[in-house]
């Protein structure tokens, strides 16, 4: 049985003070909720402060990106060792905004994935198609290529920690959401690719999140799908109350 995982990706939002206030509120909203895994992904500047607030809670801490080298002359980059020192256990890799605005490639994401595995971080690898790719009937092809190239030659012994986030790019921040059926179809495809790449046991255990205008109003229908194991939440995670309603989708 896969344990649902809900991630709050705050993107370039929240000062340190705002981040601390949000996680304080989230602690009150969800308490010691069981049966699900919850992770927040603040900006780099707030990681240390948020870590202090999350101490002795079940809420995990993650980063929104990282570089694949442990140190070096890479101005403006953050290494996996730096993330570990701030208390991060998770890291988002290959988010569509990183691909779109900063030119990230599947090859680079693959390097980051291997670096994350080597140091014990849990990578949340994002895949998803643009609207024109879906309209042209290429959605499945795009996602399959992303998965194959991002996961090329991964260590099977470490891959059990992997989390995949399917993000239809046309549904991120647009208010549009893939129907539960559309999301399930793509999640089922992803699990099929994982089966080919990693084997039956691993493919069955890896969690696949849905990301794309997830809200309290649509989370129940999404979570009813057999291959959807949680959500990577953007805007709705910026308020503790709305994020908590998503996390408490069973209530």
Foldseek 3Di string as FASTA:
>chain_A
DAQFEEEEEADPDDDLVLLLVQVVVLCVLQPQDPRHQAEYADAPNNLLVNVVSCPPHRYAYEHAEAFLDQDDDDPPGHHPVNCVVSRHQEYEADDVCCCVVVVDDLQRLLSNVQSCLVVRHQYAYEFAEEPVCVVVVNGLVRRLVSVCSNCPPHDLVSCLSYEYEYEHPNQAPPLDDDQLVRVLVNLVSVLVSCCVVRNDVSSVHHAYAYEGNDWLVCLLSNVVRPRHRYYHYYPLSSHSNGSSSNVVSVD
